[in-house]
């Protein structure tokens, strides 16, 4: 729910920001070329062995939450990744760090993140299929 809430807030903030910019600049700002969208997909998969997955188990459930929002800068992306480390997590709890901790620590899963400026952000949660 944390990831979904973050995506919704990002899309709402972008839409409001564009409306305000349009209002203050006399309607010169172009509209969304596409409607704000969040896509949630699930599938059973056998991901490539990676350091963050137990190689003994072959079937996982993949839950992907992708939005077509503004994406993240490399700096913001790296700050989020840093918040997943144990040392940084004790200094600052973020909703994504808590999600990461729940997925990886409590459920033995993997938490992956991809983002591209101007394209959007995707989070993938991989959980062992019981």
N, C-alpha and C. Protein backbone atom coordinates (compact mmCIF):
# COMPACT_ATOMS: atom_id res chain seq x y z
N UNK A 1 0.83 -1.20 0.00
CA UNK A 1 0.00 0.00 0.00
C UNK A 1 0.87 1.26 0.00
N UNK A 2 2.04 1.18 0.67
CA UNK A 2 2.94 2.34 0.67
C UNK A 2 3.36 2.73 -0.74
N UNK A 3 3.69 1.74 -1.55
CA UNK A 3 4.15 2.01 -2.91
C UNK A 3 3.02 2.60 -3.74
N UNK A 4 1.83 2.03 -3.63
CA UNK A 4 0.68 2.53 -4.37
C UNK A 4 0.35 3.96 -3.96
N UNK A 5 0.38 4.23 -2.66
CA UNK A 5 0.11 5.58 -2.16
C UNK A 5 1.14 6.58 -2.70
N UNK A 6 2.41 6.19 -2.73
CA UNK A 6 3.45 7.07 -3.27
C UNK A 6 3.20 7.37 -4.75
N UNK A 7 2.82 6.35 -5.52
CA UNK A 7 2.54 6.55 -6.95
C UNK A 7 1.36 7.49 -7.15
N UNK A 8 0.30 7.27 -6.40
CA UNK A 8 -0.89 8.13 -6.51
C UNK A 8 -0.53 9.57 -6.17
N UNK A 9 0.20 9.77 -5.07
CA UNK A 9 0.58 11.14 -4.67
C UNK A 9 1.46 11.81 -5.72
N UNK A 10 2.38 11.06 -6.31
CA UNK A 10 3.25 11.62 -7.34
C UNK A 10 2.45 12.07 -8.55
N UNK A 11 1.51 11.24 -9.00
CA UNK A 11 0.70 11.60 -10.17
C UNK A 11 -0.21 12.78 -9.88
N UNK A 12 -0.79 12.81 -8.68
CA UNK A 12 -1.64 13.94 -8.30
C UNK A 12 -0.82 15.22 -8.23
N UNK A 13 0.36 15.16 -7.60
CA UNK A 13 1.21 16.35 -7.49
C UNK A 13 1.63 16.87 -8.86
N UNK A 14 1.94 15.96 -9.77
CA UNK A 14 2.33 16.39 -11.11
C UNK A 14 1.16 17.06 -11.83
N UNK A 15 -0.02 16.48 -11.73
CA UNK A 15 -1.20 17.06 -12.39
C UNK A 15 -1.54 18.44 -11.81
N UNK A 16 -1.49 18.56 -10.49
CA UNK A 16 -1.77 19.85 -9.84
C UNK A 16 -0.71 20.87 -10.23
N UNK A 17 0.55 20.45 -10.23
CA UNK A 17 1.64 21.35 -10.62
C UNK A 17 1.48 21.86 -12.04
N UNK A 18 1.05 21.00 -12.93
CA UNK A 18 0.84 21.42 -14.32
C UNK A 18 -0.33 22.38 -14.44
N UNK A 19 -1.39 22.12 -13.69
CA UNK A 19 -2.54 23.03 -13.71
C UNK A 19 -2.16 24.40 -13.17
N UNK A 20 -1.40 24.44 -12.08
CA UNK A 20 -0.96 25.72 -11.53
C UNK A 20 -0.05 26.46 -12.50
N UNK A 21 0.87 25.74 -13.11
CA UNK A 21 1.77 26.37 -14.07
C UNK A 21 1.00 26.92 -15.25
N UNK A 22 0.00 26.18 -15.70
CA UNK A 22 -0.83 26.63 -16.82
C UNK A 22 -1.59 27.90 -16.43
N UNK A 23 -2.10 27.91 -15.21
CA UNK A 23 -2.87 29.06 -14.73
C UNK A 23 -2.00 30.31 -14.63
N UNK A 24 -0.78 30.15 -14.09
CA UNK A 24 0.10 31.30 -13.90
C UNK A 24 0.78 31.75 -15.18
N UNK A 25 0.89 30.87 -16.16
CA UNK A 25 1.56 31.24 -17.40
C UNK A 25 0.57 31.41 -18.55
N UNK A 26 -0.69 31.59 -18.21
CA UNK A 26 -1.69 31.88 -19.23
C UNK A 26 -2.00 30.74 -20.17
N UNK A 27 -1.93 29.51 -19.69
CA UNK A 27 -2.33 28.36 -20.51
C UNK A 27 -1.31 27.92 -21.54
N UNK A 28 -0.05 28.36 -21.39
CA UNK A 28 0.98 28.01 -22.37
C UNK A 28 1.52 26.59 -22.16
N UNK A 29 1.45 26.09 -20.94
CA UNK A 29 1.97 24.75 -20.64
C UNK A 29 1.09 23.71 -21.32
N UNK A 30 1.73 22.74 -22.00
CA UNK A 30 0.93 21.73 -22.69
C UNK A 30 0.37 20.72 -21.70
N UNK A 31 -0.77 20.16 -22.06
CA UNK A 31 -1.46 19.18 -21.23
C UNK A 31 -0.67 17.87 -21.19
N UNK A 32 -1.09 16.97 -20.27
CA UNK A 32 -0.54 15.63 -20.26
C UNK A 32 -0.68 15.04 -21.66
N UNK A 33 0.38 14.49 -22.19
CA UNK A 33 0.27 13.82 -23.48
C UNK A 33 -0.44 12.48 -23.30
N UNK A 34 -0.40 11.95 -22.09
CA UNK A 34 -1.11 10.71 -21.78
C UNK A 34 -1.74 10.88 -20.40
N UNK A 35 -2.78 10.16 -20.16
CA UNK A 35 -3.45 10.23 -18.87
C UNK A 35 -2.55 9.63 -17.79
N UNK A 36 -2.54 10.23 -16.59
CA UNK A 36 -1.79 9.62 -15.49
C UNK A 36 -2.31 8.20 -15.26
N UNK A 37 -1.38 7.28 -15.06
CA UNK A 37 -1.78 5.87 -15.00
C UNK A 37 -0.88 5.09 -14.05
N UNK A 38 -1.49 4.17 -13.33
CA UNK A 38 -0.76 3.21 -12.51
C UNK A 38 -1.19 1.83 -12.98
N UNK A 39 -0.22 1.01 -13.30
CA UNK A 39 -0.51 -0.34 -13.76
C UNK A 39 0.03 -1.34 -12.74
N UNK A 40 -0.84 -2.24 -12.31
CA UNK A 40 -0.45 -3.28 -11.35
C UNK A 40 -0.57 -4.62 -12.06
N UNK A 41 0.53 -5.37 -12.11
CA UNK A 41 0.50 -6.68 -12.73
C UNK A 41 1.08 -7.71 -11.77
N UNK A 42 0.57 -8.92 -11.88
CA UNK A 42 1.09 -10.02 -11.08
C UNK A 42 1.35 -11.20 -12.01
N UNK A 43 2.33 -12.00 -11.64
CA UNK A 43 2.60 -13.21 -12.40
C UNK A 43 3.45 -14.16 -11.58
N UNK A 44 3.35 -15.42 -11.89
CA UNK A 44 4.24 -16.42 -11.31
C UNK A 44 5.43 -16.48 -12.25
N UNK A 45 6.64 -16.43 -11.69
CA UNK A 45 7.83 -16.39 -12.53
C UNK A 45 8.96 -17.19 -11.92
N UNK A 46 9.96 -17.41 -12.73
CA UNK A 46 11.20 -18.05 -12.30
C UNK A 46 12.33 -17.09 -12.68
N UNK A 47 12.59 -16.09 -11.84
CA UNK A 47 13.59 -15.08 -12.20
C UNK A 47 14.99 -15.66 -12.29
N UNK A 48 15.80 -14.97 -13.03
CA UNK A 48 17.21 -15.34 -13.13
C UNK A 48 17.81 -15.34 -11.73
N UNK A 49 18.68 -16.29 -11.42
CA UNK A 49 19.32 -16.25 -10.10
C UNK A 49 20.05 -14.93 -9.90
N UNK A 50 19.80 -14.32 -8.77
CA UNK A 50 20.44 -13.05 -8.43
C UNK A 50 20.84 -13.10 -6.96
N UNK A 51 21.70 -12.20 -6.56
CA UNK A 51 22.18 -12.22 -5.18
C UNK A 51 21.06 -11.98 -4.17
N UNK A 52 19.99 -11.29 -4.58
CA UNK A 52 18.93 -10.98 -3.63
C UNK A 52 17.84 -12.06 -3.59
N UNK A 53 17.98 -13.13 -4.35
CA UNK A 53 17.01 -14.22 -4.34
C UNK A 53 17.68 -15.52 -3.94
N UNK A 54 16.97 -16.33 -3.19
CA UNK A 54 17.46 -17.65 -2.79
C UNK A 54 17.45 -18.55 -4.02
N UNK A 55 18.60 -19.06 -4.43
CA UNK A 55 18.70 -19.85 -5.64
C UNK A 55 18.04 -21.23 -5.52
N UNK A 56 17.69 -21.65 -4.31
CA UNK A 56 17.07 -22.96 -4.13
C UNK A 56 15.60 -22.97 -4.55
N UNK A 57 14.95 -21.85 -4.53
CA UNK A 57 13.54 -21.77 -4.88
C UNK A 57 13.41 -21.25 -6.30
N UNK A 58 12.53 -21.88 -7.08
CA UNK A 58 12.45 -21.50 -8.48
C UNK A 58 11.18 -20.74 -8.84
N UNK A 59 10.15 -20.80 -8.02
CA UNK A 59 8.90 -20.12 -8.38
C UNK A 59 8.62 -18.98 -7.42
N UNK A 60 8.37 -17.83 -8.01
CA UNK A 60 8.11 -16.62 -7.25
C UNK A 60 6.85 -15.96 -7.77
N UNK A 61 6.23 -15.15 -6.95
CA UNK A 61 5.14 -14.30 -7.40
C UNK A 61 5.74 -12.91 -7.58
N UNK A 62 5.54 -12.34 -8.74
CA UNK A 62 6.01 -10.99 -9.04
C UNK A 62 4.81 -10.06 -9.00
N UNK A 63 4.93 -8.99 -8.23
CA UNK A 63 3.91 -7.95 -8.17
C UNK A 63 4.59 -6.66 -8.62
N UNK A 64 4.12 -6.11 -9.73
CA UNK A 64 4.72 -4.89 -10.28
C UNK A 64 3.73 -3.75 -10.21
N UNK A 65 4.22 -2.62 -9.71
CA UNK A 65 3.44 -1.39 -9.68
C UNK A 65 4.22 -0.36 -10.48
N UNK A 66 3.65 0.06 -11.60
CA UNK A 66 4.34 0.99 -12.49
C UNK A 66 3.46 2.20 -12.73
N UNK A 67 4.07 3.39 -12.72
CA UNK A 67 3.32 4.60 -13.05
C UNK A 67 4.00 5.31 -14.20
N UNK A 68 3.27 6.20 -14.84
CA UNK A 68 3.84 6.97 -15.95
C UNK A 68 4.09 8.42 -15.50
N UNK A 69 4.48 8.56 -14.25
CA UNK A 69 4.77 9.88 -13.68
C UNK A 69 6.09 10.43 -14.16
N UNK A 70 6.62 11.39 -13.42
CA UNK A 70 7.83 12.08 -13.85
C UNK A 70 9.12 11.26 -13.73
N UNK A 71 9.08 10.13 -13.03
CA UNK A 71 10.30 9.36 -12.81
C UNK A 71 11.17 10.03 -11.77
N UNK A 72 12.35 9.48 -11.55
CA UNK A 72 13.26 10.01 -10.52
C UNK A 72 14.61 10.37 -11.12
N UNK A 73 15.19 11.40 -10.56
CA UNK A 73 16.57 11.74 -10.94
C UNK A 73 17.49 10.67 -10.36
N UNK A 74 18.69 10.57 -10.90
CA UNK A 74 19.66 9.60 -10.40
C UNK A 74 19.95 9.85 -8.92
N UNK A 75 20.00 11.11 -8.52
CA UNK A 75 20.27 11.47 -7.12
C UNK A 75 19.16 10.95 -6.20
N UNK A 76 17.91 11.21 -6.57
CA UNK A 76 16.78 10.75 -5.75
C UNK A 76 16.74 9.23 -5.71
N UNK A 77 16.97 8.59 -6.84
CA UNK A 77 16.98 7.12 -6.93
C UNK A 77 18.02 6.55 -5.97
N UNK A 78 19.22 7.12 -6.00
CA UNK A 78 20.29 6.64 -5.11
C UNK A 78 19.97 6.88 -3.65
N UNK A 79 19.33 8.00 -3.32
CA UNK A 79 18.94 8.26 -1.93
C UNK A 79 17.94 7.22 -1.44
N UNK A 80 17.01 6.83 -2.30
CA UNK A 80 16.05 5.80 -1.92
C UNK A 80 16.77 4.47 -1.70
N UNK A 81 17.68 4.11 -2.61
CA UNK A 81 18.43 2.87 -2.43
C UNK A 81 19.23 2.88 -1.13
N UNK A 82 19.82 4.03 -0.81
CA UNK A 82 20.57 4.16 0.45
C UNK A 82 19.67 3.96 1.66
N UNK A 83 18.41 4.40 1.56
CA UNK A 83 17.51 4.26 2.70
C UNK A 83 17.18 2.80 2.99
N UNK A 84 17.48 1.90 2.03
CA UNK A 84 17.23 0.48 2.24
C UNK A 84 18.32 -0.17 3.08
N UNK A 85 19.50 0.46 3.18
CA UNK A 85 20.59 -0.14 3.95
C UNK A 85 20.30 -0.05 5.45
N UNK A 86 20.82 -0.99 6.20
CA UNK A 86 20.57 -1.06 7.64
C UNK A 86 21.02 0.21 8.35
N UNK A 87 22.19 0.72 8.01
CA UNK A 87 22.71 1.91 8.69
C UNK A 87 21.82 3.12 8.44
N UNK A 88 21.44 3.33 7.20
CA UNK A 88 20.63 4.50 6.86
C UNK A 88 19.21 4.37 7.41
N UNK A 89 18.68 3.13 7.45
CA UNK A 89 17.32 2.92 7.91
C UNK A 89 17.15 3.35 9.35
N UNK A 90 18.18 3.16 10.18
CA UNK A 90 18.08 3.57 11.58
C UNK A 90 18.04 5.08 11.71
N UNK A 91 18.61 5.80 10.75
CA UNK A 91 18.62 7.26 10.79
C UNK A 91 17.32 7.87 10.29
N UNK A 92 16.72 7.24 9.27
CA UNK A 92 15.53 7.84 8.67
C UNK A 92 14.63 6.74 8.12
N UNK A 93 13.47 6.61 8.70
CA UNK A 93 12.48 5.65 8.21
C UNK A 93 11.63 6.33 7.14
N UNK A 94 11.58 5.75 5.96
CA UNK A 94 10.69 6.23 4.91
C UNK A 94 9.70 5.11 4.61
N UNK A 95 8.60 5.45 3.99
CA UNK A 95 7.61 4.41 3.68
C UNK A 95 8.21 3.36 2.74
N UNK A 96 9.07 3.77 1.81
CA UNK A 96 9.68 2.79 0.91
C UNK A 96 10.69 1.92 1.65
N UNK A 97 11.41 2.50 2.60
CA UNK A 97 12.35 1.71 3.39
C UNK A 97 11.60 0.69 4.24
N UNK A 98 10.45 1.08 4.77
CA UNK A 98 9.63 0.16 5.55
C UNK A 98 9.11 -0.95 4.63
N UNK A 99 8.65 -0.60 3.44
CA UNK A 99 8.19 -1.61 2.47
C UNK A 99 9.31 -2.58 2.15
N UNK A 100 10.49 -2.04 1.90
CA UNK A 100 11.66 -2.88 1.61
C UNK A 100 11.93 -3.85 2.75
N UNK A 101 11.89 -3.34 3.97
CA UNK A 101 12.16 -4.16 5.15
C UNK A 101 11.12 -5.28 5.29
N UNK A 102 9.86 -4.97 5.05
CA UNK A 102 8.80 -5.97 5.16
C UNK A 102 8.97 -7.05 4.10
N UNK A 103 9.20 -6.64 2.87
CA UNK A 103 9.32 -7.59 1.76
C UNK A 103 10.55 -8.48 1.93
N UNK A 104 11.69 -7.87 2.23
CA UNK A 104 12.93 -8.65 2.28
C UNK A 104 13.16 -9.32 3.63
N UNK A 105 12.95 -8.57 4.72
CA UNK A 105 13.25 -9.10 6.04
C UNK A 105 12.19 -10.04 6.59
N UNK A 106 10.95 -9.66 6.45
CA UNK A 106 9.88 -10.46 7.06
C UNK A 106 9.37 -11.57 6.14
N UNK A 107 9.49 -11.37 4.82
CA UNK A 107 8.94 -12.36 3.90
C UNK A 107 10.00 -13.03 3.03
N UNK A 108 11.26 -12.66 3.17
CA UNK A 108 12.34 -13.29 2.40
C UNK A 108 12.25 -13.04 0.91
N UNK A 109 11.63 -11.96 0.53
CA UNK A 109 11.47 -11.65 -0.89
C UNK A 109 12.52 -10.69 -1.38
N UNK A 110 12.26 -10.17 -2.55
CA UNK A 110 13.16 -9.19 -3.17
C UNK A 110 12.33 -7.97 -3.54
N UNK A 111 12.97 -6.82 -3.52
CA UNK A 111 12.31 -5.54 -3.79
C UNK A 111 13.17 -4.84 -4.83
N UNK A 112 12.61 -4.63 -5.99
CA UNK A 112 13.37 -4.00 -7.07
C UNK A 112 12.69 -2.71 -7.50
N UNK A 113 13.51 -1.79 -7.99
CA UNK A 113 13.01 -0.48 -8.36
C UNK A 113 13.70 -0.05 -9.65
N UNK A 114 12.91 0.49 -10.58
CA UNK A 114 13.44 1.05 -11.82
C UNK A 114 12.74 2.39 -12.04
N UNK A 115 13.48 3.37 -12.51
CA UNK A 115 12.88 4.67 -12.78
C UNK A 115 13.64 5.37 -13.88
N UNK A 116 12.90 6.11 -14.68
CA UNK A 116 13.49 6.87 -15.76
C UNK A 116 12.81 8.23 -15.80
N UNK A 117 13.60 9.29 -15.77
CA UNK A 117 13.04 10.64 -15.81
C UNK A 117 12.14 10.81 -17.04
N UNK A 118 10.97 11.35 -16.81
CA UNK A 118 10.04 11.61 -17.89
C UNK A 118 9.25 10.40 -18.37
N UNK A 119 9.58 9.22 -17.87
CA UNK A 119 8.92 7.98 -18.32
C UNK A 119 8.07 7.39 -17.20
N UNK A 120 8.62 7.33 -15.99
CA UNK A 120 7.88 6.77 -14.87
C UNK A 120 8.74 5.90 -13.98
N UNK A 121 8.09 5.26 -13.03
CA UNK A 121 8.78 4.45 -12.03
C UNK A 121 8.06 3.12 -11.89
N UNK A 122 8.84 2.07 -11.69
CA UNK A 122 8.26 0.74 -11.47
C UNK A 122 8.91 0.10 -10.25
N UNK A 123 8.07 -0.44 -9.40
CA UNK A 123 8.53 -1.22 -8.25
C UNK A 123 8.09 -2.66 -8.49
N UNK A 124 8.98 -3.59 -8.18
CA UNK A 124 8.64 -5.00 -8.30
C UNK A 124 8.89 -5.67 -6.96
N UNK A 125 7.91 -6.38 -6.50
CA UNK A 125 8.02 -7.16 -5.28
C UNK A 125 8.01 -8.63 -5.69
N UNK A 126 9.04 -9.37 -5.29
CA UNK A 126 9.11 -10.80 -5.57
C UNK A 126 8.97 -11.56 -4.25
N UNK A 127 8.01 -12.46 -4.20
CA UNK A 127 7.77 -13.26 -3.01
C UNK A 127 7.80 -14.73 -3.39
N UNK A 128 8.38 -15.54 -2.52
CA UNK A 128 8.46 -16.97 -2.74
C UNK A 128 7.06 -17.55 -2.82
N UNK A 129 6.80 -18.33 -3.84
CA UNK A 129 5.50 -18.97 -4.00
C UNK A 129 5.46 -20.18 -3.07
N UNK A 130 4.52 -20.15 -2.13
CA UNK A 130 4.45 -21.22 -1.14
C UNK A 130 3.67 -22.40 -1.65
